[in-house]
C-alpha atoms as a PDB file:
ATOM      1  CA  UNK A   1     112.520  91.057 121.444  1.00  0.00           C
ATOM      2  CA  UNK A   2     111.394  87.435 121.141  1.00  0.00           C
ATOM      3  CA  UNK A   3     108.838  88.016 123.892  1.00  0.00           C
ATOM      4  CA  UNK A   4     107.388  90.913 121.903  1.00  0.00           C
ATOM      5  CA  UNK A   5     107.230  88.877 118.679  1.00  0.00           C
ATOM      6  CA  UNK A   6     105.665  85.873 120.418  1.00  0.00           C
ATOM      7  CA  UNK A   7     103.081  88.008 122.201  1.00  0.00           C
ATOM      8  CA  UNK A   8     102.295  89.823 118.932  1.00  0.00           C
ATOM      9  CA  UNK A   9     101.675  86.523 117.155  1.00  0.00           C
ATOM     10  CA  UNK A  10      99.245  85.390 119.832  1.00  0.00           C
ATOM     11  CA  UNK A  11      97.461  88.777 119.823  1.00  0.00           C
ATOM     12  CA  UNK A  12      97.063  88.634 116.032  1.00  0.00           C
ATOM     13  CA  UNK A  13      95.669  85.119 116.350  1.00  0.00           C
ATOM     14  CA  UNK A  14      93.037  86.376 118.793  1.00  0.00           C
ATOM     15  CA  UNK A  15      92.179  89.311 116.516  1.00  0.00           C
ATOM     16  CA  UNK A  16      91.735  87.041 113.502  1.00  0.00           C
ATOM     17  CA  UNK A  17      89.431  84.756 115.467  1.00  0.00           C
ATOM     18  CA  UNK A  18      87.269  87.724 116.440  1.00  0.00           C
ATOM     19  CA  UNK A  19      87.375  89.640 113.143  1.00  0.00           C
ATOM     20  CA  UNK A  20      87.522  87.330 110.139  1.00  0.00           C
ATOM     21  CA  UNK A  21      86.181  89.816 107.616  1.00  0.00           C
ATOM     22  CA  UNK A  22      89.706  91.120 106.900  1.00  0.00           C
ATOM     23  CA  UNK A  23      90.748  91.230 103.269  1.00  0.00           C
ATOM     24  CA  UNK A  24      91.870  87.614 103.134  1.00  0.00           C
ATOM     25  CA  UNK A  25      93.789  87.436  99.863  1.00  0.00           C
ATOM     26  CA  UNK A  26      96.317  90.197 100.660  1.00  0.00           C
ATOM     27  CA  UNK A  27      96.526  88.946 104.226  1.00  0.00           C
ATOM     28  CA  UNK A  28      97.434  85.416 103.118  1.00  0.00           C
ATOM     29  CA  UNK A  29      99.953  86.655 100.562  1.00  0.00           C
ATOM     30  CA  UNK A  30     101.682  88.957 103.020  1.00  0.00           C
ATOM     31  CA  UNK A  31     101.668  86.496 105.909  1.00  0.00           C
ATOM     32  CA  UNK A  32     102.899  83.581 103.812  1.00  0.00           C
ATOM     33  CA  UNK A  33     105.812  85.649 102.480  1.00  0.00           C
ATOM     34  CA  UNK A  34     106.529  86.938 105.995  1.00  0.00           C
ATOM     35  CA  UNK A  35     106.431  83.407 107.406  1.00  0.00           C
ATOM     36  CA  UNK A  36     108.836  82.005 104.814  1.00  0.00           C
ATOM     37  CA  UNK A  37     111.284  84.905 105.283  1.00  0.00           C
ATOM     38  CA  UNK A  38     111.058  84.707 109.084  1.00  0.00           C
ATOM     39  CA  UNK A  39     111.537  80.947 108.979  1.00  0.00           C
ATOM     40  CA  UNK A  40     114.613  81.254 106.785  1.00  0.00           C
ATOM     41  CA  UNK A  41     116.090  83.906 109.075  1.00  0.00           C
ATOM     42  CA  UNK A  42     115.455  81.786 112.157  1.00  0.00           C
ATOM     43  CA  UNK A  43     117.066  78.750 110.529  1.00  0.00           C
ATOM     44  CA  UNK A  44     120.077  80.887 109.558  1.00  0.00           C
ATOM     45  CA  UNK A  45     120.282  82.228 113.113  1.00  0.00           C
ATOM     46  CA  UNK A  46     120.169  78.692 114.505  1.00  0.00           C
ATOM     47  CA  UNK A  47     123.002  77.699 112.172  1.00  0.00           C
ATOM     48  CA  UNK A  48     125.131  80.612 113.387  1.00  0.00           C
ATOM     49  CA  UNK A  49     124.288  80.186 117.080  1.00  0.00           C
ATOM     50  CA  UNK A  50     127.247  79.065 119.115  1.00  0.00           C
ATOM     51  CA  UNK A  51     126.633  76.311 121.632  1.00  0.00           C
ATOM     52  CA  UNK A  52     123.241  74.884 122.403  1.00  0.00           C
ATOM     53  CA  UNK A  53     121.603  78.071 123.700  1.00  0.00           C
ATOM     54  CA  UNK A  54     118.152  77.249 122.385  1.00  0.00           C
ATOM     55  CA  UNK A  55     119.370  76.161 118.955  1.00  0.00           C
ATOM     56  CA  UNK A  56     116.718  73.446 118.658  1.00  0.00           C
ATOM     57  CA  UNK A  57     113.996  75.961 119.537  1.00  0.00           C
ATOM     58  CA  UNK A  58     115.168  78.297 116.774  1.00  0.00           C
ATOM     59  CA  UNK A  59     115.181  75.375 114.332  1.00  0.00           C
ATOM     60  CA  UNK A  60     111.658  74.404 115.435  1.00  0.00           C
ATOM     61  CA  UNK A  61     110.401  77.994 115.125  1.00  0.00           C
ATOM     62  CA  UNK A  62     112.027  78.376 111.711  1.00  0.00           C
ATOM     63  CA  UNK A  63     110.608  75.080 110.452  1.00  0.00           C
ATOM     64  CA  UNK A  64     107.088  75.907 111.703  1.00  0.00           C
ATOM     65  CA  UNK A  65     107.219  79.352 110.126  1.00  0.00           C
ATOM     66  CA  UNK A  66     108.612  78.275 106.762  1.00  0.00           C
ATOM     67  CA  UNK A  67     106.286  75.264 106.516  1.00  0.00           C
ATOM     68  CA  UNK A  68     103.206  77.337 107.244  1.00  0.00           C
ATOM     69  CA  UNK A  69     104.277  80.001 104.754  1.00  0.00           C
ATOM     70  CA  UNK A  70     104.824  77.471 101.991  1.00  0.00           C
ATOM     71  CA  UNK A  71     101.537  75.679 102.707  1.00  0.00           C
ATOM     72  CA  UNK A  72      99.600  78.951 102.778  1.00  0.00           C
ATOM     73  CA  UNK A  73     101.138  80.053  99.470  1.00  0.00           C
ATOM     74  CA  UNK A  74     100.499  76.708  97.762  1.00  0.00           C
ATOM     75  CA  UNK A  75      97.006  76.008  99.074  1.00  0.00           C
ATOM     76  CA  UNK A  76      95.841  79.616  98.875  1.00  0.00           C
ATOM     77  CA  UNK A  77      92.511  80.526 100.346  1.00  0.00           C
ATOM     78  CA  UNK A  78      89.622  78.138 100.496  1.00  0.00           C
ATOM     79  CA  UNK A  79      87.383  80.451 102.461  1.00  0.00           C
ATOM     80  CA  UNK A  80      87.699  83.140 105.092  1.00  0.00           C
ATOM     81  CA  UNK A  81      87.092  80.867 108.062  1.00  0.00           C
ATOM     82  CA  UNK A  82      89.599  78.211 106.978  1.00  0.00           C
ATOM     83  CA  UNK A  83      92.267  80.806 106.253  1.00  0.00           C
ATOM     84  CA  UNK A  84      91.626  82.489 109.572  1.00  0.00           C
ATOM     85  CA  UNK A  85      91.943  79.199 111.414  1.00  0.00           C
ATOM     86  CA  UNK A  86      95.204  78.398 109.574  1.00  0.00           C
ATOM     87  CA  UNK A  87      96.576  81.773 110.608  1.00  0.00           C
ATOM     88  CA  UNK A  88      95.406  81.338 114.182  1.00  0.00           C
ATOM     89  CA  UNK A  89      97.007  77.899 114.423  1.00  0.00           C
ATOM     90  CA  UNK A  90     100.267  79.181 112.984  1.00  0.00           C
ATOM     91  CA  UNK A  91     100.361  82.242 115.227  1.00  0.00           C
ATOM     92  CA  UNK A  92      99.658  80.242 118.373  1.00  0.00           C
ATOM     93  CA  UNK A  93     102.282  77.590 117.616  1.00  0.00           C
ATOM     94  CA  UNK A  94     104.914  80.059 116.401  1.00  0.00           C
ATOM     95  CA  UNK A  95     104.219  82.536 119.202  1.00  0.00           C
ATOM     96  CA  UNK A  96     104.388  79.775 121.808  1.00  0.00           C
ATOM     97  CA  UNK A  97     107.702  78.513 120.444  1.00  0.00           C
ATOM     98  CA  UNK A  98     109.149  82.033 120.513  1.00  0.00           C
ATOM     99  CA  UNK A  99     107.906  82.627 124.047  1.00  0.00           C
ATOM    100  CA  UNK A 100     109.529  79.334 125.078  1.00  0.00           C
ATOM    101  CA  UNK A 101     112.795  80.380 123.455  1.00  0.00           C
ATOM    102  CA  UNK A 102     112.704  83.794 125.116  1.00  0.00           C
ATOM    103  CA  UNK A 103     112.065  82.168 128.496  1.00  0.00           C
ATOM    104  CA  UNK A 104     114.940  79.717 128.017  1.00  0.00           C
ATOM    105  CA  UNK A 105     117.358  82.427 126.903  1.00  0.00           C
ATOM    106  CA  UNK A 106     116.379  84.640 129.825  1.00  0.00           C
ATOM    107  CA  UNK A 107     116.864  81.754 132.263  1.00  0.00           C
ATOM    108  CA  UNK A 108     120.253  80.871 130.725  1.00  0.00           C
ATOM    109  CA  UNK A 109     121.305  84.517 130.803  1.00  0.00           C
ATOM    110  CA  UNK A 110     120.307  84.881 134.471  1.00  0.00           C
ATOM    111  CA  UNK A 111     122.205  81.753 135.472  1.00  0.00           C
ATOM    112  CA  UNK A 112     125.333  82.876 133.577  1.00  0.00           C
ATOM    113  CA  UNK A 113     125.232  86.259 135.330  1.00  0.00           C
ATOM    114  CA  UNK A 114     124.993  84.541 138.737  1.00  0.00           C
ATOM    115  CA  UNK A 115     127.906  82.293 137.820  1.00  0.00           C
ATOM    116  CA  UNK A 116     130.003  85.255 136.701  1.00  0.00           C
ATOM    117  CA  UNK A 117     129.211  87.256 139.853  1.00  0.00           C
ATOM    118  CA  UNK A 118     130.196  84.272 142.096  1.00  0.00           C
ATOM    119  CA  UNK A 119     132.977  82.485 140.194  1.00  0.00           C
ATOM    120  CA  UNK A 120     134.220  80.527 143.220  1.00  0.00           C
ATOM    121  CA  UNK A 121     130.880  78.752 143.712  1.00  0.00           C
ATOM    122  CA  UNK A 122     130.888  76.942 140.385  1.00  0.00           C
ATOM    123  CA  UNK A 123     134.537  75.851 140.547  1.00  0.00           C
ATOM    124  CA  UNK A 124     133.549  73.099 143.028  1.00  0.00           C
END
């Protein structure tokens, strides 16, 4: 799921770079609200996460998302190009963080499955 969200963020960033004539005001309002809500949910998920299974990555993703959402809501739109670049920067950073988290969780999951399938190896 995180891979899909991260890839979607990067694809949206590319689309905004190519097509900046989108209705900017509704786009900024919707994306800033979405970013704040997503950031809050990620921070809550990090708080509830047991162990260190990517907790710092969730905190980083949540902080990036919430910060961008608040900044976009406060600053508003200066012009189409600036808003588009803000959105592109956010989507690339947030998407990259989520892809990193998904990769780490997949790697941790794979190693735990190998350990469970060969319990005598890790008892060393």
